Amino acid sequence: MSGNMCTKPGVFTGGRLDVDEKEEKVVDIYVRGESVIVYENPWVEGAPPPNIPATARDRLPDVDTSCKAVTEERDRRESNINQHALQGWLYFNNSLYYFSSARKTWNDSRQDCQSRGADLVIINSREEQEFTGQLKKLTWIGLTDSETEGIWKWVDGTPLTTSYWGPGEPNSDGGRNEDCGEIRFHDRRNSWNDESCGSSNFWICEKPADP
C-alpha cells in the first residue's frame, strides 16, 4: 500500500467511497500487509483490534515516529545545503559543486577538493555535463588515464562509459603526455579535451548533498 503516511488524520487519501451508501456508519480501519480491513463495530480505545494477531499489531508502523524521522532528515539535509551555499557551493541534482576561482595543476586541484571533503567532479549525465560547463573556462574534471594509457577512469576508480570528448579527442596532441581530462570547447556540447596534468586550470569539486 503506497502513499504519504505523514498526513493529517481524518483525510481520506486512497480507495473508493460509495456515494450511494444511505446508512451512515462509524467504522474502524486497519492495515494488514497490503490489505485494508474495515470493521463496522468500533472498538474501545486501548483494546486490541479484533481478529488481528498480536504479532501483526506489533508490526504496524509508528506513524508519529516515522514522520518525525522523515522531517528531521529533511531539515538536516536542507541545513547542510544552506551551510555549503554560504561557502560558495552550488546544489544540483543531489550533489554539491565547488567552482574554483584560481588555477592549479590537476593533482593540486584534486588535493584542494579532498581537503573540502570532496573530489574532482565526475560527470555522469548530459544534464551534469551542461551544468559543469557553465564556468566557461579551462576546467579540470576527475578523469585520467595516468595508470594505463588510453584507459580513462574517474577519480573513484570507475571506468569511463559515457563521454563528451570534443572532435578528435583524446589525442595526446603532438605526442605530449596528456593524461588528465578538462573542459575546453565551451561552444560545443561535447567539450572535453585531454591535457597535460601539469598545466594550470580552474577546477570543479563535487560531493554528495547528504552529509
Protein backbone atom coordinates (compact mmCIF):
# COMPACT_ATOMS: atom_id res chain seq x y z
CA MET A 1 0.00 0.00 0.00
CA SER A 2 1.55 3.27 -1.09
CA GLY A 3 1.04 6.88 -0.13
CA ASN A 4 2.35 9.50 2.23
CA MET A 5 1.85 8.40 5.84
CA CYS A 6 2.79 11.82 7.14
CA THR A 7 -0.62 13.40 6.53
CA LYS A 8 -3.18 14.91 8.85
CA PRO A 9 -5.64 12.46 10.45
CA GLY A 10 -9.16 12.34 9.06
CA VAL A 11 -8.08 12.85 5.43
CA PHE A 12 -9.04 10.03 3.06
CA THR A 13 -6.12 9.57 0.65
CA GLY A 14 -6.99 6.42 -1.29
CA GLY A 15 -9.51 3.73 -2.12
CA ARG A 16 -13.15 4.10 -3.20
CA LEU A 17 -16.07 5.71 -1.41
CA ASP A 18 -19.58 4.58 -2.27
CA VAL A 19 -21.55 7.79 -2.67
CA ASP A 20 -24.82 5.84 -2.87
CA GLU A 21 -24.46 4.42 0.64
CA LYS A 22 -27.56 5.55 2.52
CA GLU A 23 -26.66 4.40 6.01
CA GLU A 24 -24.10 6.39 7.95
CA LYS A 25 -21.74 4.14 9.88
CA VAL A 26 -18.81 4.51 12.24
CA VAL A 27 -16.09 2.07 11.30
CA ASP A 28 -12.54 1.16 12.27
CA ILE A 29 -9.93 0.75 9.52
CA TYR A 30 -6.77 -1.36 9.93
CA VAL A 31 -3.91 -2.11 7.58
CA ARG A 32 -2.55 -5.65 7.35
CA GLY A 33 0.24 -6.02 4.80
CA GLU A 34 -1.22 -4.77 1.52
CA SER A 35 -4.83 -5.16 2.71
CA VAL A 36 -7.23 -2.67 4.27
CA ILE A 37 -9.64 -4.18 6.83
CA VAL A 38 -12.83 -2.35 7.77
CA TYR A 39 -14.76 -3.20 10.97
CA GLU A 40 -18.26 -1.81 11.37
CA ASN A 41 -18.24 -2.18 15.16
CA PRO A 42 -15.76 0.30 16.64
CA TRP A 43 -13.59 -1.00 19.43
CA VAL A 44 -12.73 0.63 22.71
CA GLU A 45 -9.58 2.73 22.59
CA GLY A 46 -6.68 0.84 24.13
CA ALA A 47 -8.14 -2.62 23.41
CA PRO A 48 -6.58 -4.92 20.77
CA PRO A 49 -8.22 -4.61 17.33
CA PRO A 50 -10.44 -7.62 16.63
CA ASN A 51 -9.09 -10.54 14.64
CA ILE A 52 -5.60 -9.02 14.28
CA PRO A 53 -2.91 -11.22 15.87
CA ALA A 54 -0.58 -9.57 18.35
CA THR A 55 2.39 -10.18 16.06
CA ALA A 56 0.66 -8.26 13.27
CA ARG A 57 -0.16 -5.39 15.63
CA ASP A 58 3.48 -5.22 16.68
CA ARG A 59 4.45 -4.72 13.06
CA LEU A 60 2.12 -1.77 12.50
CA PRO A 61 4.23 1.36 11.88
CA ASP A 62 4.52 4.10 14.46
CA VAL A 63 3.39 6.91 12.17
CA ASP A 64 4.37 9.73 14.51
CA THR A 65 7.89 8.35 14.92
CA SER A 66 8.25 7.75 11.17
CA CYS A 67 7.09 11.26 10.31
CA LYS A 68 9.41 12.76 12.89
CA ALA A 69 12.38 10.87 11.42
CA VAL A 70 11.49 11.98 7.87
CA THR A 71 11.13 15.60 8.97
CA GLU A 72 14.41 15.57 10.90
CA GLU A 73 16.28 14.04 7.94
CA ARG A 74 14.81 16.66 5.57
CA ASP A 75 15.72 19.52 7.89
CA ARG A 76 19.25 18.15 8.40
CA ARG A 77 19.77 17.90 4.64
CA GLU A 78 18.47 21.40 3.96
CA SER A 79 20.67 22.81 6.72
CA ASN A 80 23.72 21.09 5.20
CA ILE A 81 22.97 22.50 1.74
CA ASN A 82 22.46 26.01 3.14
CA GLN A 83 25.72 25.90 5.10
CA HIS A 84 27.64 24.87 1.97
CA ALA A 85 25.93 27.59 -0.07
CA LEU A 86 27.42 30.17 2.30
CA GLN A 87 30.86 28.73 1.47
CA GLY A 88 30.34 29.06 -2.29
CA TRP A 89 28.97 25.60 -3.11
CA LEU A 90 26.16 25.11 -5.63
CA TYR A 91 23.47 22.44 -5.37
CA PHE A 92 22.45 20.40 -8.40
CA ASN A 93 20.69 17.04 -8.67
CA ASN A 94 21.57 15.73 -5.18
CA SER A 95 25.21 16.85 -5.33
CA LEU A 96 27.18 19.90 -4.19
CA TYR A 97 29.68 21.58 -6.52
CA TYR A 98 32.52 23.99 -5.87
CA PHE A 99 33.82 26.05 -8.83
CA SER A 100 37.33 27.33 -8.17
CA SER A 101 38.42 30.92 -8.70
CA ALA A 102 42.14 30.06 -9.01
CA ARG A 103 44.26 27.82 -11.23
CA LYS A 104 46.20 24.74 -10.19
CA THR A 105 47.63 21.57 -11.69
CA TRP A 106 45.33 18.55 -11.87
CA ASN A 107 46.91 16.89 -8.81
CA ASP A 108 46.87 20.10 -6.76
CA SER A 109 43.27 20.70 -7.78
CA ARG A 110 42.31 17.25 -6.61
CA GLN A 111 44.09 17.80 -3.29
CA ASP A 112 42.11 21.00 -2.81
CA CYS A 113 38.84 19.12 -3.40
CA GLN A 114 39.84 16.38 -0.96
CA SER A 115 40.63 19.00 1.68
CA ARG A 116 37.00 20.11 1.29
CA GLY A 117 35.67 16.59 1.78
CA ALA A 118 35.06 16.19 -1.95
CA ASP A 119 36.87 15.14 -5.14
CA LEU A 120 37.17 16.36 -8.69
CA VAL A 121 33.83 16.22 -10.46
CA ILE A 122 32.57 13.00 -12.05
CA ILE A 123 30.19 13.70 -14.95
CA ASN A 124 27.53 11.01 -15.35
CA SER A 125 24.83 12.61 -17.50
CA ARG A 126 24.14 15.18 -20.20
CA GLU A 127 22.45 17.39 -17.59
CA GLU A 128 25.54 17.32 -15.39
CA GLN A 129 27.74 17.97 -18.43
CA GLU A 130 25.74 21.11 -19.22
CA PHE A 131 25.74 22.23 -15.59
CA THR A 132 29.51 21.91 -15.18
CA GLY A 133 30.15 23.72 -18.46
CA GLN A 134 28.75 26.99 -17.14
CA LEU A 135 32.16 28.14 -15.83
CA LYS A 136 33.25 28.79 -19.46
CA LYS A 137 36.92 28.37 -18.53
CA LEU A 138 39.53 25.66 -18.92
CA THR A 139 38.45 23.38 -16.11
CA TRP A 140 39.79 20.15 -14.68
CA ILE A 141 37.40 17.22 -14.21
CA GLY A 142 38.05 14.00 -12.32
CA LEU A 143 39.14 11.98 -15.35
CA THR A 144 42.58 10.50 -16.05
CA ASP A 145 44.40 7.71 -17.90
CA SER A 146 47.59 8.08 -15.86
CA GLU A 147 47.52 4.42 -14.76
CA THR A 148 47.16 2.90 -18.24
CA GLU A 149 47.50 4.96 -21.40
CA GLY A 150 44.18 5.09 -23.24
CA ILE A 151 42.15 3.59 -20.38
CA TRP A 152 40.28 6.54 -18.92
CA LYS A 153 38.92 6.28 -15.39
CA TRP A 154 37.22 8.59 -12.95
CA VAL A 155 38.84 9.53 -9.65
CA ASP A 156 36.68 6.97 -7.81
CA GLY A 157 38.17 4.19 -9.95
CA THR A 158 35.13 3.60 -12.17
CA PRO A 159 35.76 3.26 -15.92
CA LEU A 160 34.59 5.92 -18.35
CA THR A 161 31.37 4.73 -20.04
CA THR A 162 29.59 7.91 -21.13
CA SER A 163 31.94 10.52 -22.58
CA TYR A 164 31.75 14.01 -24.02
CA TRP A 165 35.07 14.27 -25.84
CA GLY A 166 35.47 17.03 -28.38
CA PRO A 167 36.11 16.09 -32.03
CA GLY A 168 39.31 14.07 -32.39
CA GLU A 169 39.85 13.87 -28.63
CA PRO A 170 41.59 12.42 -26.71
CA ASN A 171 44.67 12.56 -28.90
CA SER A 172 47.84 13.34 -26.87
CA ASP A 173 48.38 16.30 -29.17
CA GLY A 174 51.87 16.49 -30.64
CA GLY A 175 52.92 13.32 -28.81
CA ARG A 176 52.65 15.05 -25.44
CA ASN A 177 51.78 13.14 -22.30
CA GLU A 178 48.19 14.31 -21.83
CA ASP A 179 46.74 12.13 -19.08
CA CYS A 180 44.11 14.39 -17.49
CA GLY A 181 40.66 15.46 -18.65
CA GLU A 182 39.50 19.05 -18.91
CA ILE A 183 36.51 21.02 -20.17
CA ARG A 184 37.80 23.15 -23.07
CA PHE A 185 35.41 23.54 -26.01
CA HIS A 186 32.69 25.67 -24.44
CA ASP A 187 30.86 26.30 -27.72
CA ARG A 188 30.24 22.56 -28.17
CA ARG A 189 28.08 20.08 -26.28
CA ASN A 190 30.99 17.61 -26.38
CA SER A 191 33.60 19.79 -24.72
CA TRP A 192 36.26 17.51 -23.20
CA ASN A 193 39.94 17.55 -24.06
CA ASP A 194 42.95 15.62 -22.81
CA GLU A 195 45.65 17.87 -21.36
CA SER A 196 48.97 17.60 -19.56
CA CYS A 197 48.27 17.13 -15.85
CA GLY A 198 50.93 19.73 -15.05
CA SER A 199 49.04 22.53 -16.77
CA SER A 200 47.21 25.08 -14.63
CA ASN A 201 43.43 25.13 -14.90
CA PHE A 202 40.40 26.02 -12.87
CA TRP A 203 38.63 23.02 -11.37
CA ILE A 204 35.28 21.73 -10.05
CA CYS A 205 34.83 19.74 -6.85
CA GLU A 206 31.84 17.51 -6.19
CA LYS A 207 30.41 15.69 -3.18
CA PRO A 208 27.01 14.26 -2.18
CA ALA A 209 24.45 16.68 -0.78
CA ASP A 210 23.66 14.22 2.03
CA PRO A 211 26.32 14.53 4.75
